[in-house]
Each structure stands twice: as structure tokens, then as C-alpha cells.
């Protein structure tokens, strides 16, 4: 029975890893390379995660946050992904 379930999963997903597919499909559909984005609350949490994802997609990021020291740390993290930040 588990072989049948595995076969169905492979057929639906085209044999790809479901965790990789969703992100890759989104990145393939949207081309933001060379664009500029300003992310507020970018020093932590959702803002930082958003800034990192956008940087991976080739976007130049402007970070804004009320916490200056965490903002500097976030800037360094983003520069590790994309030099322009």
C-alpha cells in the first residue's frame, strides 16, 4: 500500500521533493532580478526573512527598522547573500 502512495506522490509532484518545489516554482514564476525593495521591520522576524528571500531573488534591499544595532546585523546578513543592501 505504501508503494502505491509513494507512486501517487511521485506522479503528482513529478518525482520532485515537495519542500523544494514550492519555493522553486515561485522563484521561477517571478523575476525580480535588478529590482529594488524597501523592507520595514527588517531587523528580525518576518521582515528579515522577507529581506533574505528578496535578496536571493536578486533584489537590492533597503532595510528599515527601529532597532539600529539589529538593523546593522541584518544588513551584514543580507550582504552575505547579495552585496547591494
PDB file of N, CA and C in Angstrom:
ATOM      1  N   UNK A   1       0.821  -1.202   0.000  1.00  0.00           N
ATOM      2  CA  UNK A   1       0.000   0.000   0.000  1.00  0.00           C
ATOM      3  C   UNK A   1       0.862   1.263   0.000  1.00  0.00           C
ATOM      4  N   UNK A   2       1.941   1.270   0.793  1.00  0.00           N
ATOM      5  CA  UNK A   2       2.792   2.464   0.841  1.00  0.00           C
ATOM      6  C   UNK A   2       3.463   2.716  -0.510  1.00  0.00           C
ATOM      7  N   UNK A   3       3.724   1.649  -1.267  1.00  0.00           N
ATOM      8  CA  UNK A   3       4.303   1.825  -2.598  1.00  0.00           C
ATOM      9  C   UNK A   3       3.342   2.577  -3.510  1.00  0.00           C
ATOM     10  N   UNK A   4       2.047   2.300  -3.378  1.00  0.00           N
ATOM     11  CA  UNK A   4       1.039   2.985  -4.179  1.00  0.00           C
ATOM     12  C   UNK A   4       0.986   4.465  -3.812  1.00  0.00           C
ATOM     13  N   UNK A   5       1.037   4.765  -2.518  1.00  0.00           N
ATOM     14  CA  UNK A   5       1.026   6.152  -2.056  1.00  0.00           C
ATOM     15  C   UNK A   5       2.259   6.877  -2.576  1.00  0.00           C
ATOM     16  N   UNK A   6       3.434   6.238  -2.487  1.00  0.00           N
ATOM     17  CA  UNK A   6       4.665   6.845  -2.993  1.00  0.00           C
ATOM     18  C   UNK A   6       4.571   7.099  -4.496  1.00  0.00           C
ATOM     19  N   UNK A   7       3.994   6.153  -5.229  1.00  0.00           N
ATOM     20  CA  UNK A   7       3.837   6.321  -6.672  1.00  0.00           C
ATOM     21  C   UNK A   7       2.939   7.518  -6.975  1.00  0.00           C
ATOM     22  N   UNK A   8       1.837   7.640  -6.237  1.00  0.00           N
ATOM     23  CA  UNK A   8       0.918   8.761  -6.451  1.00  0.00           C
ATOM     24  C   UNK A   8       1.611  10.088  -6.152  1.00  0.00           C
ATOM     25  N   UNK A   9       2.389  10.129  -5.086  1.00  0.00           N
ATOM     26  CA  UNK A   9       3.118  11.356  -4.745  1.00  0.00           C
ATOM     27  C   UNK A   9       4.090  11.723  -5.863  1.00  0.00           C
ATOM     28  N   UNK A  10       4.818  10.725  -6.355  1.00  0.00           N
ATOM     29  CA  UNK A  10       5.781  10.989  -7.422  1.00  0.00           C
ATOM     30  C   UNK A  10       5.080  11.470  -8.687  1.00  0.00           C
ATOM     31  N   UNK A  11       3.940  10.866  -8.983  1.00  0.00           N
ATOM     32  CA  UNK A  11       3.215  11.252 -10.190  1.00  0.00           C
ATOM     33  C   UNK A  11       2.698  12.689 -10.062  1.00  0.00           C
ATOM     34  N   UNK A  12       2.156  13.038  -8.910  1.00  0.00           N
ATOM     35  CA  UNK A  12       1.621  14.384  -8.690  1.00  0.00           C
ATOM     36  C   UNK A  12       2.741  15.415  -8.698  1.00  0.00           C
ATOM     37  N   UNK A  13       3.838  15.105  -8.035  1.00  0.00           N
ATOM     38  CA  UNK A  13       4.931  16.058  -7.887  1.00  0.00           C
ATOM     39  C   UNK A  13       5.982  15.938  -8.979  1.00  0.00           C
ATOM     40  N   UNK A  14       5.780  15.041  -9.906  1.00  0.00           N
ATOM     41  CA  UNK A  14       6.760  14.868 -10.969  1.00  0.00           C
ATOM     42  C   UNK A  14       8.074  14.308 -10.452  1.00  0.00           C
ATOM     43  N   UNK A  15       8.033  13.570  -9.337  1.00  0.00           N
ATOM     44  CA  UNK A  15       9.230  12.970  -8.778  1.00  0.00           C
ATOM     45  C   UNK A  15      10.117  13.941  -8.026  1.00  0.00           C
ATOM     46  N   UNK A  16       9.638  15.159  -7.787  1.00  0.00           N
ATOM     47  CA  UNK A  16      10.456  16.166  -7.108  1.00  0.00           C
ATOM     48  C   UNK A  16      10.161  16.194  -5.615  1.00  0.00           C
ATOM     49  N   UNK A  17      11.091  16.749  -4.871  1.00  0.00           N
ATOM     50  CA  UNK A  17      10.917  16.925  -3.434  1.00  0.00           C
ATOM     51  C   UNK A  17       9.884  18.026  -3.198  1.00  0.00           C
ATOM     52  N   UNK A  18       8.781  17.740  -2.491  1.00  0.00           N
ATOM     53  CA  UNK A  18       7.735  18.748  -2.314  1.00  0.00           C
ATOM     54  C   UNK A  18       8.204  19.984  -1.557  1.00  0.00           C
ATOM     55  N   UNK A  19       9.201  19.865  -0.712  1.00  0.00           N
ATOM     56  CA  UNK A  19       9.687  21.019   0.040  1.00  0.00           C
ATOM     57  C   UNK A  19      10.465  21.972  -0.868  1.00  0.00           C
ATOM     58  N   UNK A  20      11.152  21.444  -1.858  1.00  0.00           N
ATOM     59  CA  UNK A  20      11.913  22.286  -2.780  1.00  0.00           C
ATOM     60  C   UNK A  20      11.027  22.870  -3.883  1.00  0.00           C
ATOM     61  N   UNK A  21      10.035  22.128  -4.267  1.00  0.00           N
ATOM     62  CA  UNK A  21       9.249  22.522  -5.427  1.00  0.00           C
ATOM     63  C   UNK A  21       8.512  23.831  -5.236  1.00  0.00           C
ATOM     64  N   UNK A  22       7.883  24.010  -4.109  1.00  0.00           N
ATOM     65  CA  UNK A  22       7.069  25.207  -3.908  1.00  0.00           C
ATOM     66  C   UNK A  22       7.913  26.472  -4.030  1.00  0.00           C
ATOM     67  N   UNK A  23       9.042  26.513  -3.338  1.00  0.00           N
ATOM     68  CA  UNK A  23       9.902  27.699  -3.391  1.00  0.00           C
ATOM     69  C   UNK A  23      10.455  27.894  -4.804  1.00  0.00           C
ATOM     70  N   UNK A  24      10.915  26.824  -5.411  1.00  0.00           N
ATOM     71  CA  UNK A  24      11.485  26.937  -6.756  1.00  0.00           C
ATOM     72  C   UNK A  24      10.445  27.365  -7.778  1.00  0.00           C
ATOM     73  N   UNK A  25       9.218  26.873  -7.649  1.00  0.00           N
ATOM     74  CA  UNK A  25       8.166  27.278  -8.585  1.00  0.00           C
ATOM     75  C   UNK A  25       7.877  28.764  -8.455  1.00  0.00           C
ATOM     76  N   UNK A  26       7.835  29.253  -7.221  1.00  0.00           N
ATOM     77  CA  UNK A  26       7.587  30.682  -7.006  1.00  0.00           C
ATOM     78  C   UNK A  26       8.733  31.498  -7.591  1.00  0.00           C
ATOM     79  N   UNK A  27       9.965  31.088  -7.315  1.00  0.00           N
ATOM     80  CA  UNK A  27      11.117  31.825  -7.829  1.00  0.00           C
ATOM     81  C   UNK A  27      11.165  31.803  -9.353  1.00  0.00           C
ATOM     82  N   UNK A  28      10.737  30.694  -9.954  1.00  0.00           N
ATOM     83  CA  UNK A  28      10.727  30.607 -11.413  1.00  0.00           C
ATOM     84  C   UNK A  28       9.644  31.492 -12.032  1.00  0.00           C
ATOM     85  N   UNK A  29       8.533  31.657 -11.340  1.00  0.00           N
ATOM     86  CA  UNK A  29       7.423  32.445 -11.878  1.00  0.00           C
ATOM     87  C   UNK A  29       7.661  33.945 -11.791  1.00  0.00           C
ATOM     88  N   UNK A  30       8.410  34.361 -10.789  1.00  0.00           N
ATOM     89  CA  UNK A  30       8.589  35.790 -10.538  1.00  0.00           C
ATOM     90  C   UNK A  30      10.048  36.163 -10.759  1.00  0.00           C
ATOM     91  N   UNK A  31      10.294  37.064 -11.675  1.00  0.00           N
ATOM     92  CA  UNK A  31      11.650  37.554 -11.893  1.00  0.00           C
ATOM     93  C   UNK A  31      11.766  38.955 -11.308  1.00  0.00           C
ATOM     94  N   UNK A  32      12.504  39.072 -10.221  1.00  0.00           N
ATOM     95  CA  UNK A  32      12.707  40.366  -9.578  1.00  0.00           C
ATOM     96  C   UNK A  32      14.160  40.814  -9.678  1.00  0.00           C
ATOM     97  N   UNK A  33      14.950  40.095 -10.441  1.00  0.00           N
ATOM     98  CA  UNK A  33      16.369  40.417 -10.564  1.00  0.00           C
ATOM     99  C   UNK A  33      16.548  41.860 -11.034  1.00  0.00           C
ATOM    100  N   UNK A  34      17.347  42.624 -10.296  1.00  0.00           N
ATOM    101  CA  UNK A  34      17.622  44.007 -10.650  1.00  0.00           C
ATOM    102  C   UNK A  34      16.634  45.011 -10.083  1.00  0.00           C
ATOM    103  N   UNK A  35      15.594  44.533  -9.410  1.00  0.00           N
ATOM    104  CA  UNK A  35      14.608  45.430  -8.811  1.00  0.00           C
ATOM    105  C   UNK A  35      15.110  45.928  -7.451  1.00  0.00           C
ATOM    106  N   UNK A  36      14.423  46.919  -6.895  1.00  0.00           N
ATOM    107  CA  UNK A  36      14.767  47.480  -5.588  1.00  0.00           C
ATOM    108  C   UNK A  36      13.541  47.365  -4.692  1.00  0.00           C
ATOM    109  N   UNK A  37      13.757  46.962  -3.423  1.00  0.00           N
ATOM    110  CA  UNK A  37      12.657  46.863  -2.461  1.00  0.00           C
ATOM    111  C   UNK A  37      13.086  47.471  -1.134  1.00  0.00           C
ATOM    112  N   UNK A  38      12.146  48.106  -0.456  1.00  0.00           N
ATOM    113  CA  UNK A  38      12.374  48.608   0.896  1.00  0.00           C
ATOM    114  C   UNK A  38      11.557  47.728   1.826  1.00  0.00           C
ATOM    115  N   UNK A  39      12.224  47.147   2.827  1.00  0.00           N
ATOM    116  CA  UNK A  39      11.565  46.247   3.764  1.00  0.00           C
ATOM    117  C   UNK A  39      11.572  46.903   5.136  1.00  0.00           C
ATOM    118  N   UNK A  40      10.386  47.108   5.706  1.00  0.00           N
ATOM    119  CA  UNK A  40      10.290  47.676   7.051  1.00  0.00           C
ATOM    120  C   UNK A  40      10.256  46.546   8.071  1.00  0.00           C
ATOM    121  N   UNK A  41      10.746  46.827   9.274  1.00  0.00           N
ATOM    122  CA  UNK A  41      10.822  45.795  10.304  1.00  0.00           C
ATOM    123  C   UNK A  41      11.800  44.709   9.913  1.00  0.00           C
ATOM    124  N   UNK A  42      12.851  45.103   9.208  1.00  0.00           N
ATOM    125  CA  UNK A  42      13.747  44.143   8.563  1.00  0.00           C
ATOM    126  C   UNK A  42      14.830  43.572   9.474  1.00  0.00           C
ATOM    127  N   UNK A  43      14.891  43.992  10.728  1.00  0.00           N
ATOM    128  CA  UNK A  43      15.965  43.521  11.603  1.00  0.00           C
ATOM    129  C   UNK A  43      15.689  42.136  12.174  1.00  0.00           C
ATOM    130  N   UNK A  44      14.437  41.687  12.129  1.00  0.00           N
ATOM    131  CA  UNK A  44      14.127  40.381  12.707  1.00  0.00           C
ATOM    132  C   UNK A  44      12.801  39.854  12.164  1.00  0.00           C
ATOM    133  N   UNK A  45      12.538  38.613  12.482  1.00  0.00           N
ATOM    134  CA  UNK A  45      11.252  38.002  12.181  1.00  0.00           C
ATOM    135  C   UNK A  45      10.896  37.956  10.707  1.00  0.00           C
ATOM    136  N   UNK A  46       9.639  38.264  10.434  1.00  0.00           N
ATOM    137  CA  UNK A  46       9.116  38.192   9.069  1.00  0.00           C
ATOM    138  C   UNK A  46       9.827  39.181   8.155  1.00  0.00           C
ATOM    139  N   UNK A  47      10.134  40.367   8.672  1.00  0.00           N
ATOM    140  CA  UNK A  47      10.830  41.366   7.859  1.00  0.00           C
ATOM    141  C   UNK A  47      12.193  40.883   7.404  1.00  0.00           C
ATOM    142  N   UNK A  48      12.950  40.271   8.314  1.00  0.00           N
ATOM    143  CA  UNK A  48      14.275  39.753   7.967  1.00  0.00           C
ATOM    144  C   UNK A  48      14.156  38.593   6.982  1.00  0.00           C
ATOM    145  N   UNK A  49      13.203  37.704   7.229  1.00  0.00           N
ATOM    146  CA  UNK A  49      13.005  36.569   6.314  1.00  0.00           C
ATOM    147  C   UNK A  49      12.621  37.053   4.915  1.00  0.00           C
ATOM    148  N   UNK A  50      11.775  38.071   4.856  1.00  0.00           N
ATOM    149  CA  UNK A  50      11.367  38.640   3.568  1.00  0.00           C
ATOM    150  C   UNK A  50      12.557  39.261   2.852  1.00  0.00           C
ATOM    151  N   UNK A  51      13.360  40.017   3.602  1.00  0.00           N
ATOM    152  CA  UNK A  51      14.539  40.661   3.012  1.00  0.00           C
ATOM    153  C   UNK A  51      15.512  39.616   2.467  1.00  0.00           C
ATOM    154  N   UNK A  52      15.709  38.529   3.203  1.00  0.00           N
ATOM    155  CA  UNK A  52      16.619  37.471   2.751  1.00  0.00           C
ATOM    156  C   UNK A  52      16.095  36.812   1.475  1.00  0.00           C
ATOM    157  N   UNK A  53      14.798  36.521   1.437  1.00  0.00           N
ATOM    158  CA  UNK A  53      14.219  35.892   0.253  1.00  0.00           C
ATOM    159  C   UNK A  53      14.341  36.805  -0.959  1.00  0.00           C
ATOM    160  N   UNK A  54      14.040  38.086  -0.769  1.00  0.00           N
ATOM    161  CA  UNK A  54      14.158  39.032  -1.875  1.00  0.00           C
ATOM    162  C   UNK A  54      15.605  39.135  -2.357  1.00  0.00           C
ATOM    163  N   UNK A  55      16.553  39.122  -1.419  1.00  0.00           N
ATOM    164  CA  UNK A  55      17.966  39.178  -1.796  1.00  0.00           C
ATOM    165  C   UNK A  55      18.351  37.953  -2.623  1.00  0.00           C
ATOM    166  N   UNK A  56      17.836  36.782  -2.236  1.00  0.00           N
ATOM    167  CA  UNK A  56      18.098  35.561  -3.002  1.00  0.00           C
ATOM    168  C   UNK A  56      17.545  35.667  -4.418  1.00  0.00           C
ATOM    169  N   UNK A  57      16.492  36.464  -4.586  1.00  0.00           N
ATOM    170  CA  UNK A  57      15.856  36.628  -5.890  1.00  0.00           C
ATOM    171  C   UNK A  57      16.516  37.722  -6.719  1.00  0.00           C
ATOM    172  N   UNK A  58      17.598  38.324  -6.204  1.00  0.00           N
ATOM    173  CA  UNK A  58      18.343  39.309  -6.974  1.00  0.00           C
ATOM    174  C   UNK A  58      17.918  40.745  -6.756  1.00  0.00           C
ATOM    175  N   UNK A  59      17.120  40.989  -5.720  1.00  0.00           N
ATOM    176  CA  UNK A  59      16.621  42.331  -5.431  1.00  0.00           C
ATOM    177  C   UNK A  59      17.628  43.087  -4.567  1.00  0.00           C
ATOM    178  N   UNK A  60      17.821  44.369  -4.862  1.00  0.00           N
ATOM    179  CA  UNK A  60      18.605  45.245  -3.994  1.00  0.00           C
ATOM    180  C   UNK A  60      17.671  45.698  -2.878  1.00  0.00           C
ATOM    181  N   UNK A  61      18.111  45.526  -1.630  1.00  0.00           N
ATOM    182  CA  UNK A  61      17.239  45.737  -0.478  1.00  0.00           C
ATOM    183  C   UNK A  61      17.613  46.999   0.285  1.00  0.00           C
ATOM    184  N   UNK A  62      16.595  47.768   0.664  1.00  0.00           N
ATOM    185  CA  UNK A  62      16.741  48.857   1.622  1.00  0.00           C
ATOM    186  C   UNK A  62      16.072  48.405   2.906  1.00  0.00           C
ATOM    187  N   UNK A  63      16.817  48.352   4.003  1.00  0.00           N
ATOM    188  CA  UNK A  63      16.276  47.859   5.273  1.00  0.00           C
ATOM    189  C   UNK A  63      15.912  49.018   6.189  1.00  0.00           C
ATOM    190  N   UNK A  64      14.752  48.917   6.827  1.00  0.00           N
ATOM    191  CA  UNK A  64      14.322  49.913   7.802  1.00  0.00           C
ATOM    192  C   UNK A  64      13.879  49.180   9.062  1.00  0.00           C
ATOM    193  N   UNK A  65      14.379  49.637  10.216  1.00  0.00           N
ATOM    194  CA  UNK A  65      13.950  49.074  11.488  1.00  0.00           C
ATOM    195  C   UNK A  65      14.230  50.075  12.594  1.00  0.00           C
ATOM    196  N   UNK A  66      13.456  50.011  13.650  1.00  0.00           N
ATOM    197  CA  UNK A  66      13.625  50.921  14.777  1.00  0.00           C
ATOM    198  C   UNK A  66      14.864  50.558  15.608  1.00  0.00           C
ATOM    199  N   UNK A  67      15.271  49.291  15.556  1.00  0.00           N
ATOM    200  CA  UNK A  67      16.414  48.809  16.330  1.00  0.00           C
ATOM    201  C   UNK A  67      17.678  48.905  15.470  1.00  0.00           C
ATOM    202  N   UNK A  68      18.483  49.919  15.726  1.00  0.00           N
ATOM    203  CA  UNK A  68      19.653  50.190  14.880  1.00  0.00           C
ATOM    204  C   UNK A  68      20.683  49.068  14.912  1.00  0.00           C
ATOM    205  N   UNK A  69      21.008  48.562  16.100  1.00  0.00           N
ATOM    206  CA  UNK A  69      22.060  47.533  16.178  1.00  0.00           C
ATOM    207  C   UNK A  69      21.627  46.240  15.490  1.00  0.00           C
ATOM    208  N   UNK A  70      20.369  45.829  15.675  1.00  0.00           N
ATOM    209  CA  UNK A  70      19.883  44.635  14.972  1.00  0.00           C
ATOM    210  C   UNK A  70      19.787  44.895  13.470  1.00  0.00           C
ATOM    211  N   UNK A  71      19.489  46.140  13.105  1.00  0.00           N
ATOM    212  CA  UNK A  71      19.437  46.509  11.694  1.00  0.00           C
ATOM    213  C   UNK A  71      20.790  46.381  11.020  1.00  0.00           C
ATOM    214  N   UNK A  72      21.838  46.755  11.757  1.00  0.00           N
ATOM    215  CA  UNK A  72      23.200  46.615  11.223  1.00  0.00           C
ATOM    216  C   UNK A  72      23.536  45.138  11.033  1.00  0.00           C
ATOM    217  N   UNK A  73      23.153  44.303  12.023  1.00  0.00           N
ATOM    218  CA  UNK A  73      23.380  42.857  11.900  1.00  0.00           C
ATOM    219  C   UNK A  73      22.617  42.285  10.699  1.00  0.00           C
ATOM    220  N   UNK A  74      21.381  42.727  10.524  1.00  0.00           N
ATOM    221  CA  UNK A  74      20.571  42.254   9.396  1.00  0.00           C
ATOM    222  C   UNK A  74      21.208  42.658   8.071  1.00  0.00           C
ATOM    223  N   UNK A  75      21.739  43.880   8.027  1.00  0.00           N
ATOM    224  CA  UNK A  75      22.404  44.359   6.810  1.00  0.00           C
ATOM    225  C   UNK A  75      23.575  43.457   6.450  1.00  0.00           C
ATOM    226  N   UNK A  76      24.361  43.078   7.447  1.00  0.00           N
ATOM    227  CA  UNK A  76      25.502  42.189   7.198  1.00  0.00           C
ATOM    228  C   UNK A  76      25.035  40.823   6.694  1.00  0.00           C
ATOM    229  N   UNK A  77      23.938  40.320   7.255  1.00  0.00           N
ATOM    230  CA  UNK A  77      23.406  39.032   6.793  1.00  0.00           C
ATOM    231  C   UNK A  77      22.969  39.113   5.329  1.00  0.00           C
ATOM    232  N   UNK A  78      22.287  40.198   4.990  1.00  0.00           N
ATOM    233  CA  UNK A  78      21.809  40.370   3.616  1.00  0.00           C
ATOM    234  C   UNK A  78      22.986  40.545   2.661  1.00  0.00           C
ATOM    235  N   UNK A  79      24.002  41.276   3.088  1.00  0.00           N
ATOM    236  CA  UNK A  79      25.183  41.460   2.234  1.00  0.00           C
ATOM    237  C   UNK A  79      25.878  40.132   1.961  1.00  0.00           C
ATOM    238  N   UNK A  80      25.732  39.172   2.871  1.00  0.00           N
ATOM    239  CA  UNK A  80      26.270  37.835   2.635  1.00  0.00           C
ATOM    240  C   UNK A  80      25.549  37.121   1.503  1.00  0.00           C
ATOM    241  N   UNK A  81      24.301  37.501   1.272  1.00  0.00           N
ATOM    242  CA  UNK A  81      23.504  36.911   0.197  1.00  0.00           C
ATOM    243  C   UNK A  81      23.668  37.720  -1.088  1.00  0.00           C
ATOM    244  N   UNK A  82      23.575  39.034  -0.943  1.00  0.00           N
ATOM    245  CA  UNK A  82      23.656  39.943  -2.096  1.00  0.00           C
ATOM    246  C   UNK A  82      24.407  41.179  -1.652  1.00  0.00           C
ATOM    247  N   UNK A  83      25.402  41.562  -2.392  1.00  0.00           N
ATOM    248  CA  UNK A  83      26.272  42.666  -1.994  1.00  0.00           C
ATOM    249  C   UNK A  83      25.555  43.995  -1.837  1.00  0.00           C
ATOM    250  N   UNK A  84      24.550  44.245  -2.659  1.00  0.00           N
ATOM    251  CA  UNK A  84      23.845  45.530  -2.588  1.00  0.00           C
ATOM    252  C   UNK A  84      22.765  45.475  -1.515  1.00  0.00           C
ATOM    253  N   UNK A  85      22.949  46.273  -0.482  1.00  0.00           N
ATOM    254  CA  UNK A  85      21.973  46.338   0.598  1.00  0.00           C
ATOM    255  C   UNK A  85      22.097  47.686   1.272  1.00  0.00           C
TER     256      UNK A  85
END
